Amino acid sequence: MSGLRVIPAWRHGQERLYVCLTDGRSVAWYERESSRVNLLGEEHREAVLRALAPFLTGGYSIGPPPVPTPAELARLALHPDDDLAPNRPGEALLVALDRDPAPARRLRADPRQRALAAEQAIADVLDGLEGGGWHTLHSVPLPGGARIHHLLIGPGGLFSVHTLAARKQRVRVADPMVTVGRADPRPLLRELRADADRASFALTAEIRPVLALCGAAALDVTAPPREVRIVRDGEVPALAGIGGVLKPADVEALHAMARDRRTWLRV
């Protein structure tokens, strides 16, 4: 067989090389991270290996695609309207800004835009943890209008991460109150604990709340807050250093449950 094409693509943060017929149908794909060639038909084996020869370095395995796990089957069965995985960081803020844009001329920047930029910055860091077995869902809606900015699920457990925009400002924490710059204090830590409790009930698993400060100039904490972990921008990746809590199968099962919008209707 001749005329096979190799087309690179990204799926779930990993690079794949698809081997396709001239009519566009895939006959195999190569996953660089696992060095595995997944073959859809044994009759294409030799032609596929010839097409992939420039990309195969070192040892590799070849065979039929692995059987989907129950968690993967559950994700495939989700209706697109119920799947939270495509949610963008700051989804609610993006919708609000689209419906009610900030005036073109304004002395001060729209606080919604600052909050959105902060959520997107923290989301970029969390999404970068995927290679270590972590998954992140963004803008998880809770009944009543509340939302979890980022839900992090991985070997170290589950974390509900709330982003606080504090660019070049001092943040003061006196549990449960949080003050950013000259703004009025608000009982933010109490809200984070309540949202984490609701999420724990929905997923029947412990979820630990995290407050992620984006761009803070300084941080003053009167006493270690109860249950809530406070991290600054550069400390967010340290969450991935926690391990030994969940097995890979448990991580996948919880991720499949969490990405289903219907899971959150009961809280």
C-alpha atoms as a PDB file:
ATOM      1  CA  MET A   1       0.000   0.000   0.000  1.00  0.00           C
ATOM      2  CA  SER A   2       1.294   3.463  -0.879  1.00  0.00           C
ATOM      3  CA  GLY A   3       0.097   7.025  -0.531  1.00  0.00           C
ATOM      4  CA  LEU A   4      -0.322   7.035   3.247  1.00  0.00           C
ATOM      5  CA  ARG A   5      -0.063  10.450   4.869  1.00  0.00           C
ATOM      6  CA  VAL A   6       1.200  11.278   8.364  1.00  0.00           C
ATOM      7  CA  ILE A   7      -0.737  14.120  10.014  1.00  0.00           C
ATOM      8  CA  PRO A   8       0.305  15.531  13.417  1.00  0.00           C
ATOM      9  CA  ALA A   9      -2.394  16.493  15.921  1.00  0.00           C
ATOM     10  CA  TRP A  10      -2.796  17.178  19.640  1.00  0.00           C
ATOM     11  CA  ARG A  11      -5.245  15.315  21.858  1.00  0.00           C
ATOM     12  CA  HIS A  12      -5.618  15.857  25.627  1.00  0.00           C
ATOM     13  CA  GLY A  13      -2.287  17.690  25.671  1.00  0.00           C
ATOM     14  CA  GLN A  14      -0.363  14.889  23.946  1.00  0.00           C
ATOM     15  CA  GLU A  15       1.000  14.785  20.404  1.00  0.00           C
ATOM     16  CA  ARG A  16      -0.304  12.113  18.055  1.00  0.00           C
ATOM     17  CA  LEU A  17       0.764  11.281  14.517  1.00  0.00           C
ATOM     18  CA  TYR A  18      -2.199   9.988  12.527  1.00  0.00           C
ATOM     19  CA  VAL A  19      -1.569   7.771   9.499  1.00  0.00           C
ATOM     20  CA  CYS A  20      -4.314   8.334   6.942  1.00  0.00           C
ATOM     21  CA  LEU A  21      -5.422   6.943   3.603  1.00  0.00           C
ATOM     22  CA  THR A  22      -5.798   9.249   0.606  1.00  0.00           C
ATOM     23  CA  ASP A  23      -9.529   9.588   1.369  1.00  0.00           C
ATOM     24  CA  GLY A  24      -8.755  10.883   4.872  1.00  0.00           C
ATOM     25  CA  ARG A  25      -9.588   7.759   6.868  1.00  0.00           C
ATOM     26  CA  SER A  26      -7.169   6.926   9.698  1.00  0.00           C
ATOM     27  CA  VAL A  27      -5.560   3.486   9.743  1.00  0.00           C
ATOM     28  CA  ALA A  28      -3.252   4.047  12.731  1.00  0.00           C
ATOM     29  CA  TRP A  29      -1.836   6.639  15.076  1.00  0.00           C
ATOM     30  CA  TYR A  30       1.474   6.972  16.921  1.00  0.00           C
ATOM     31  CA  GLU A  31       1.629   8.365  20.446  1.00  0.00           C
ATOM     32  CA  ARG A  32       5.047   9.873  21.054  1.00  0.00           C
ATOM     33  CA  GLU A  33       4.786   9.881  24.842  1.00  0.00           C
ATOM     34  CA  SER A  34       4.081   6.157  25.133  1.00  0.00           C
ATOM     35  CA  SER A  35       6.026   5.213  21.947  1.00  0.00           C
ATOM     36  CA  ARG A  36       3.083   3.115  20.822  1.00  0.00           C
ATOM     37  CA  VAL A  37       1.669   2.611  17.328  1.00  0.00           C
ATOM     38  CA  ASN A  38      -2.086   1.928  17.557  1.00  0.00           C
ATOM     39  CA  LEU A  39      -3.073  -0.101  14.489  1.00  0.00           C
ATOM     40  CA  LEU A  40      -6.694  -0.205  13.336  1.00  0.00           C
ATOM     41  CA  GLY A  41      -6.142  -3.036  10.839  1.00  0.00           C
ATOM     42  CA  GLU A  42      -3.426  -5.681  10.723  1.00  0.00           C
ATOM     43  CA  GLU A  43      -3.407  -5.544   6.911  1.00  0.00           C
ATOM     44  CA  HIS A  44      -1.904  -2.029   7.096  1.00  0.00           C
ATOM     45  CA  ARG A  45       0.976  -2.923   9.448  1.00  0.00           C
ATOM     46  CA  GLU A  46       3.901  -2.800   6.994  1.00  0.00           C
ATOM     47  CA  ALA A  47       2.695   0.292   5.163  1.00  0.00           C
ATOM     48  CA  VAL A  48       2.055   2.136   8.422  1.00  0.00           C
ATOM     49  CA  LEU A  49       5.526   1.334   9.744  1.00  0.00           C
ATOM     50  CA  ARG A  50       7.101   2.561   6.487  1.00  0.00           C
ATOM     51  CA  ALA A  51       5.159   5.821   6.710  1.00  0.00           C
ATOM     52  CA  LEU A  52       6.121   6.342  10.363  1.00  0.00           C
ATOM     53  CA  ALA A  53       9.749   5.270   9.936  1.00  0.00           C
ATOM     54  CA  PRO A  54      11.150   8.860  10.023  1.00  0.00           C
ATOM     55  CA  PHE A  55       9.380   9.471  13.351  1.00  0.00           C
ATOM     56  CA  LEU A  56      10.071   6.213  15.208  1.00  0.00           C
ATOM     57  CA  THR A  57      13.085   6.597  17.445  1.00  0.00           C
ATOM     58  CA  GLY A  58      14.279   3.907  19.823  1.00  0.00           C
ATOM     59  CA  GLY A  59      11.939   1.154  20.897  1.00  0.00           C
ATOM     60  CA  TYR A  60       8.209   1.196  20.253  1.00  0.00           C
ATOM     61  CA  SER A  61       5.230  -1.107  20.620  1.00  0.00           C
ATOM     62  CA  ILE A  62       2.557  -1.815  18.040  1.00  0.00           C
ATOM     63  CA  GLY A  63      -0.886  -3.316  18.290  1.00  0.00           C
ATOM     64  CA  PRO A  64      -4.613  -2.591  18.326  1.00  0.00           C
ATOM     65  CA  PRO A  65      -5.845   0.436  20.328  1.00  0.00           C
ATOM     66  CA  PRO A  66      -6.401  -0.262  24.036  1.00  0.00           C
ATOM     67  CA  VAL A  67      -9.934  -1.052  25.154  1.00  0.00           C
ATOM     68  CA  PRO A  68     -11.581   2.120  26.549  1.00  0.00           C
ATOM     69  CA  THR A  69     -11.881   2.265  30.331  1.00  0.00           C
ATOM     70  CA  PRO A  70     -15.306   2.777  31.950  1.00  0.00           C
ATOM     71  CA  ALA A  71     -14.358   6.411  32.584  1.00  0.00           C
ATOM     72  CA  GLU A  72     -13.477   6.945  28.914  1.00  0.00           C
ATOM     73  CA  LEU A  73     -16.741   5.345  27.824  1.00  0.00           C
ATOM     74  CA  ALA A  74     -18.639   7.626  30.189  1.00  0.00           C
ATOM     75  CA  ARG A  75     -16.972  10.681  28.651  1.00  0.00           C
ATOM     76  CA  LEU A  76     -17.829   9.502  25.152  1.00  0.00           C
ATOM     77  CA  ALA A  77     -21.463   9.071  26.194  1.00  0.00           C
ATOM     78  CA  LEU A  78     -21.795  12.664  27.438  1.00  0.00           C
ATOM     79  CA  HIS A  79     -24.052  14.995  25.479  1.00  0.00           C
ATOM     80  CA  PRO A  80     -22.075  18.102  24.420  1.00  0.00           C
ATOM     81  CA  ASP A  81     -24.410  20.336  26.439  1.00  0.00           C
ATOM     82  CA  ASP A  82     -23.580  18.356  29.603  1.00  0.00           C
ATOM     83  CA  ASP A  83     -19.802  18.224  29.130  1.00  0.00           C
ATOM     84  CA  LEU A  84     -17.958  20.844  31.190  1.00  0.00           C
ATOM     85  CA  ALA A  85     -14.513  19.957  29.822  1.00  0.00           C
ATOM     86  CA  PRO A  86     -14.681  22.555  26.989  1.00  0.00           C
ATOM     87  CA  ASN A  87     -15.458  25.362  29.469  1.00  0.00           C
ATOM     88  CA  ARG A  88     -12.994  28.219  29.102  1.00  0.00           C
ATOM     89  CA  PRO A  89     -11.293  29.820  32.112  1.00  0.00           C
ATOM     90  CA  GLY A  90     -13.529  32.660  33.238  1.00  0.00           C
ATOM     91  CA  GLU A  91     -16.446  31.412  31.122  1.00  0.00           C
ATOM     92  CA  ALA A  92     -19.000  33.425  33.119  1.00  0.00           C
ATOM     93  CA  LEU A  93     -16.890  36.586  32.846  1.00  0.00           C
ATOM     94  CA  LEU A  94     -16.471  36.103  29.099  1.00  0.00           C
ATOM     95  CA  VAL A  95     -20.241  35.806  28.699  1.00  0.00           C
ATOM     96  CA  ALA A  96     -20.844  38.870  30.891  1.00  0.00           C
ATOM     97  CA  LEU A  97     -18.338  40.986  28.966  1.00  0.00           C
ATOM     98  CA  ASP A  98     -19.854  39.867  25.678  1.00  0.00           C
ATOM     99  CA  ARG A  99     -23.362  40.833  26.800  1.00  0.00           C
ATOM    100  CA  ASP A 100     -22.355  44.053  28.533  1.00  0.00           C
ATOM    101  CA  PRO A 101     -19.007  45.319  27.196  1.00  0.00           C
ATOM    102  CA  ALA A 102     -17.044  47.882  29.177  1.00  0.00           C
ATOM    103  CA  PRO A 103     -17.263  51.469  27.877  1.00  0.00           C
ATOM    104  CA  ALA A 104     -14.566  52.315  25.361  1.00  0.00           C
ATOM    105  CA  ARG A 105     -13.435  55.326  27.394  1.00  0.00           C
ATOM    106  CA  ARG A 106     -12.963  54.601  31.053  1.00  0.00           C
ATOM    107  CA  LEU A 107     -10.527  56.015  33.594  1.00  0.00           C
ATOM    108  CA  ARG A 108     -10.080  52.649  35.301  1.00  0.00           C
ATOM    109  CA  ALA A 109      -9.958  49.217  33.768  1.00  0.00           C
ATOM    110  CA  ASP A 110     -13.093  47.114  34.068  1.00  0.00           C
ATOM    111  CA  PRO A 111     -12.581  44.873  37.139  1.00  0.00           C
ATOM    112  CA  ARG A 112     -14.151  42.017  35.179  1.00  0.00           C
ATOM    113  CA  GLN A 113     -11.297  42.184  32.694  1.00  0.00           C
ATOM    114  CA  ARG A 114      -8.715  42.043  35.492  1.00  0.00           C
ATOM    115  CA  ALA A 115     -10.505  39.075  37.038  1.00  0.00           C
ATOM    116  CA  LEU A 116     -10.651  37.331  33.656  1.00  0.00           C
ATOM    117  CA  ALA A 117      -6.953  37.859  32.987  1.00  0.00           C
ATOM    118  CA  ALA A 118      -6.132  36.440  36.423  1.00  0.00           C
ATOM    119  CA  GLU A 119      -8.262  33.324  35.883  1.00  0.00           C
ATOM    120  CA  GLN A 120      -6.684  32.751  32.494  1.00  0.00           C
ATOM    121  CA  ALA A 121      -3.167  33.105  33.922  1.00  0.00           C
ATOM    122  CA  ILE A 122      -3.779  30.587  36.726  1.00  0.00           C
ATOM    123  CA  ALA A 123      -5.562  28.275  34.272  1.00  0.00           C
ATOM    124  CA  ASP A 124      -2.477  28.202  32.032  1.00  0.00           C
ATOM    125  CA  VAL A 125      -0.384  26.969  34.958  1.00  0.00           C
ATOM    126  CA  LEU A 126      -2.931  24.337  35.997  1.00  0.00           C
ATOM    127  CA  ASP A 127      -3.380  23.077  32.436  1.00  0.00           C
ATOM    128  CA  GLY A 128       0.375  22.608  32.277  1.00  0.00           C
ATOM    129  CA  LEU A 129       0.131  19.950  34.998  1.00  0.00           C
ATOM    130  CA  GLU A 130      -1.785  17.559  32.732  1.00  0.00           C
ATOM    131  CA  GLY A 131       1.298  15.593  31.745  1.00  0.00           C
ATOM    132  CA  GLY A 132       1.739  14.536  35.383  1.00  0.00           C
ATOM    133  CA  GLY A 133      -1.628  12.816  35.540  1.00  0.00           C
ATOM    134  CA  TRP A 134      -3.686  15.852  36.561  1.00  0.00           C
ATOM    135  CA  HIS A 135      -6.909  17.134  35.024  1.00  0.00           C
ATOM    136  CA  THR A 136      -8.386  20.627  35.363  1.00  0.00           C
ATOM    137  CA  LEU A 137     -11.966  21.720  34.767  1.00  0.00           C
ATOM    138  CA  HIS A 138     -12.643  25.436  34.544  1.00  0.00           C
ATOM    139  CA  SER A 139     -15.718  27.471  35.490  1.00  0.00           C
ATOM    140  CA  VAL A 140     -17.658  24.649  37.137  1.00  0.00           C
ATOM    141  CA  PRO A 141     -21.165  26.034  37.786  1.00  0.00           C
ATOM    142  CA  LEU A 142     -22.924  25.441  41.104  1.00  0.00           C
ATOM    143  CA  PRO A 143     -26.662  25.983  41.643  1.00  0.00           C
ATOM    144  CA  GLY A 144     -27.477  29.507  42.775  1.00  0.00           C
ATOM    145  CA  GLY A 145     -24.944  31.282  40.582  1.00  0.00           C
ATOM    146  CA  ALA A 146     -21.752  30.254  42.385  1.00  0.00           C
ATOM    147  CA  ARG A 147     -18.926  28.636  40.475  1.00  0.00           C
ATOM    148  CA  ILE A 148     -15.625  26.917  41.102  1.00  0.00           C
ATOM    149  CA  HIS A 149     -12.983  28.752  39.085  1.00  0.00           C
ATOM    150  CA  HIS A 150     -10.803  25.668  38.614  1.00  0.00           C
ATOM    151  CA  LEU A 151     -11.280  22.086  39.801  1.00  0.00           C
ATOM    152  CA  LEU A 152      -7.940  20.242  39.901  1.00  0.00           C
ATOM    153  CA  ILE A 153      -8.038  16.424  40.021  1.00  0.00           C
ATOM    154  CA  GLY A 154      -4.953  14.246  40.190  1.00  0.00           C
ATOM    155  CA  PRO A 155      -2.730  11.885  42.158  1.00  0.00           C
ATOM    156  CA  GLY A 156      -2.648  14.289  45.100  1.00  0.00           C
ATOM    157  CA  GLY A 157      -6.423  14.512  45.400  1.00  0.00           C
ATOM    158  CA  LEU A 158      -8.952  17.183  44.472  1.00  0.00           C
ATOM    159  CA  PHE A 159      -8.615  20.942  44.857  1.00  0.00           C
ATOM    160  CA  SER A 160     -11.109  23.726  44.222  1.00  0.00           C
ATOM    161  CA  VAL A 161      -8.920  26.646  43.166  1.00  0.00           C
ATOM    162  CA  HIS A 162     -10.282  30.188  43.429  1.00  0.00           C
ATOM    163  CA  THR A 163      -8.333  32.891  41.595  1.00  0.00           C
ATOM    164  CA  LEU A 164      -8.053  36.339  43.157  1.00  0.00           C
ATOM    165  CA  ALA A 165      -6.838  39.198  40.955  1.00  0.00           C
ATOM    166  CA  ALA A 166      -4.436  41.281  43.035  1.00  0.00           C
ATOM    167  CA  ARG A 167      -1.987  42.787  40.558  1.00  0.00           C
ATOM    168  CA  LYS A 168       0.561  44.979  42.386  1.00  0.00           C
ATOM    169  CA  GLN A 169      -1.641  45.112  45.488  1.00  0.00           C
ATOM    170  CA  ARG A 170      -1.214  43.962  49.073  1.00  0.00           C
ATOM    171  CA  VAL A 171      -3.479  41.132  50.180  1.00  0.00           C
ATOM    172  CA  ARG A 172      -4.398  40.803  53.853  1.00  0.00           C
ATOM    173  CA  VAL A 173      -5.923  37.613  55.209  1.00  0.00           C
ATOM    174  CA  ALA A 174      -7.627  37.425  58.607  1.00  0.00           C
ATOM    175  CA  ASP A 175      -9.774  34.311  58.435  1.00  0.00           C
ATOM    176  CA  PRO A 176     -12.431  34.463  57.073  1.00  0.00           C
ATOM    177  CA  MET A 177     -11.841  37.992  55.730  1.00  0.00           C
ATOM    178  CA  VAL A 178      -9.663  38.812  52.712  1.00  0.00           C
ATOM    179  CA  THR A 179      -8.732  42.368  51.744  1.00  0.00           C
ATOM    180  CA  VAL A 180      -7.167  43.366  48.432  1.00  0.00           C
ATOM    181  CA  GLY A 181      -5.544  46.793  48.410  1.00  0.00           C
ATOM    182  CA  ARG A 182      -7.956  49.456  49.598  1.00  0.00           C
ATOM    183  CA  ALA A 183     -11.089  47.455  48.839  1.00  0.00           C
ATOM    184  CA  ASP A 184     -13.479  46.457  51.570  1.00  0.00           C
ATOM    185  CA  PRO A 185     -12.730  43.118  53.219  1.00  0.00           C
ATOM    186  CA  ARG A 186     -14.999  40.186  52.316  1.00  0.00           C
ATOM    187  CA  PRO A 187     -15.485  36.769  53.945  1.00  0.00           C
ATOM    188  CA  LEU A 188     -13.923  35.005  50.957  1.00  0.00           C
ATOM    189  CA  LEU A 189     -12.446  32.067  52.882  1.00  0.00           C
ATOM    190  CA  ARG A 190     -15.861  31.189  54.279  1.00  0.00           C
ATOM    191  CA  GLU A 191     -17.257  31.157  50.737  1.00  0.00           C
ATOM    192  CA  LEU A 192     -14.410  28.947  49.488  1.00  0.00           C
ATOM    193  CA  ARG A 193     -14.951  26.425  52.259  1.00  0.00           C
ATOM    194  CA  ALA A 194     -18.679  26.344  51.524  1.00  0.00           C
ATOM    195  CA  ASP A 195     -18.129  25.790  47.791  1.00  0.00           C
ATOM    196  CA  ALA A 196     -15.585  23.039  48.497  1.00  0.00           C
ATOM    197  CA  ASP A 197     -18.066  21.336  50.837  1.00  0.00           C
ATOM    198  CA  ARG A 198     -20.731  21.426  48.127  1.00  0.00           C
ATOM    199  CA  ALA A 199     -18.310  19.983  45.590  1.00  0.00           C
ATOM    200  CA  SER A 200     -17.269  17.254  48.039  1.00  0.00           C
ATOM    201  CA  PHE A 201     -20.917  16.287  48.447  1.00  0.00           C
ATOM    202  CA  ALA A 202     -21.423  16.130  44.669  1.00  0.00           C
ATOM    203  CA  LEU A 203     -18.361  13.955  44.015  1.00  0.00           C
ATOM    204  CA  THR A 204     -18.434  12.045  47.342  1.00  0.00           C
ATOM    205  CA  ALA A 205     -14.729  12.813  47.736  1.00  0.00           C
ATOM    206  CA  GLU A 206     -12.694  15.240  49.822  1.00  0.00           C
ATOM    207  CA  ILE A 207     -12.027  18.518  48.037  1.00  0.00           C
ATOM    208  CA  ARG A 208      -9.578  20.995  49.520  1.00  0.00           C
ATOM    209  CA  PRO A 209     -10.051  24.720  48.837  1.00  0.00           C
ATOM    210  CA  VAL A 210      -7.154  26.775  47.481  1.00  0.00           C
ATOM    211  CA  LEU A 211      -6.920  30.550  47.120  1.00  0.00           C
ATOM    212  CA  ALA A 212      -4.560  31.471  44.269  1.00  0.00           C
ATOM    213  CA  LEU A 213      -3.329  35.066  44.321  1.00  0.00           C
ATOM    214  CA  CYS A 214      -2.498  36.456  40.894  1.00  0.00           C
ATOM    215  CA  GLY A 215       0.059  39.258  40.798  1.00  0.00           C
ATOM    216  CA  ALA A 216      -0.034  40.195  44.492  1.00  0.00           C
ATOM    217  CA  ALA A 217       2.713  42.612  45.584  1.00  0.00           C
ATOM    218  CA  ALA A 218       2.622  41.380  49.183  1.00  0.00           C
ATOM    219  CA  LEU A 219       0.717  38.950  51.374  1.00  0.00           C
ATOM    220  CA  ASP A 220      -0.071  39.395  55.064  1.00  0.00           C
ATOM    221  CA  VAL A 221      -1.657  36.469  56.896  1.00  0.00           C
ATOM    222  CA  THR A 222      -2.518  36.993  60.567  1.00  0.00           C
ATOM    223  CA  ALA A 223      -2.752  33.234  61.226  1.00  0.00           C
ATOM    224  CA  PRO A 224      -2.836  30.101  59.063  1.00  0.00           C
ATOM    225  CA  PRO A 225      -6.420  29.893  57.762  1.00  0.00           C
ATOM    226  CA  ARG A 226      -8.539  26.877  58.576  1.00  0.00           C
ATOM    227  CA  GLU A 227      -8.584  24.301  55.750  1.00  0.00           C
ATOM    228  CA  VAL A 228      -7.802  26.805  52.968  1.00  0.00           C
ATOM    229  CA  ARG A 229      -4.407  26.747  51.305  1.00  0.00           C
ATOM    230  CA  ILE A 230      -3.157  30.127  50.027  1.00  0.00           C
ATOM    231  CA  VAL A 231      -0.682  30.167  47.131  1.00  0.00           C
ATOM    232  CA  ARG A 232       0.864  32.881  45.003  1.00  0.00           C
ATOM    233  CA  ASP A 233       1.435  32.628  41.245  1.00  0.00           C
ATOM    234  CA  GLY A 234       4.770  30.854  41.422  1.00  0.00           C
ATOM    235  CA  GLU A 235       3.560  28.396  44.052  1.00  0.00           C
ATOM    236  CA  VAL A 236       0.644  26.961  42.059  1.00  0.00           C
ATOM    237  CA  PRO A 237       2.721  24.184  40.399  1.00  0.00           C
ATOM    238  CA  ALA A 238       3.586  22.887  43.882  1.00  0.00           C
ATOM    239  CA  LEU A 239       0.071  21.462  44.088  1.00  0.00           C
ATOM    240  CA  ALA A 240       1.196  18.789  41.628  1.00  0.00           C
ATOM    241  CA  GLY A 241       3.939  17.727  44.032  1.00  0.00           C
ATOM    242  CA  ILE A 242       1.356  16.165  46.313  1.00  0.00           C
ATOM    243  CA  GLY A 243       0.911  12.491  45.541  1.00  0.00           C
ATOM    244  CA  GLY A 244      -0.088   9.157  46.931  1.00  0.00           C
ATOM    245  CA  VAL A 245      -3.762   9.958  47.449  1.00  0.00           C
ATOM    246  CA  LEU A 246      -5.555   8.717  44.321  1.00  0.00           C
ATOM    247  CA  LYS A 247      -4.812   5.879  41.921  1.00  0.00           C
ATOM    248  CA  PRO A 248      -4.905   6.671  38.173  1.00  0.00           C
ATOM    249  CA  ALA A 249      -8.199   4.802  37.756  1.00  0.00           C
ATOM    250  CA  ASP A 250      -9.750   6.855  40.577  1.00  0.00           C
ATOM    251  CA  VAL A 251      -8.501  10.083  39.005  1.00  0.00           C
ATOM    252  CA  GLU A 252     -10.102   9.186  35.675  1.00  0.00           C
ATOM    253  CA  ALA A 253     -13.381   8.141  37.293  1.00  0.00           C
ATOM    254  CA  LEU A 254     -13.644  11.351  39.325  1.00  0.00           C
ATOM    255  CA  HIS A 255     -12.753  13.454  36.298  1.00  0.00           C
ATOM    256  CA  ALA A 256     -15.474  11.743  34.246  1.00  0.00           C
ATOM    257  CA  MET A 257     -17.998  12.399  37.009  1.00  0.00           C
ATOM    258  CA  ALA A 258     -16.916  16.010  37.542  1.00  0.00           C
ATOM    259  CA  ARG A 259     -17.120  16.989  33.879  1.00  0.00           C
ATOM    260  CA  ASP A 260     -20.797  15.943  33.733  1.00  0.00           C
ATOM    261  CA  ARG A 261     -22.928  19.037  34.352  1.00  0.00           C
ATOM    262  CA  ARG A 262     -25.666  16.892  35.869  1.00  0.00           C
ATOM    263  CA  THR A 263     -23.346  15.930  38.738  1.00  0.00           C
ATOM    264  CA  TRP A 264     -23.571  19.465  40.098  1.00  0.00           C
ATOM    265  CA  LEU A 265     -27.361  19.850  39.964  1.00  0.00           C
ATOM    266  CA  ARG A 266     -27.807  18.107  43.312  1.00  0.00           C
ATOM    267  CA  VAL A 267     -25.757  20.531  45.405  1.00  0.00           C
END
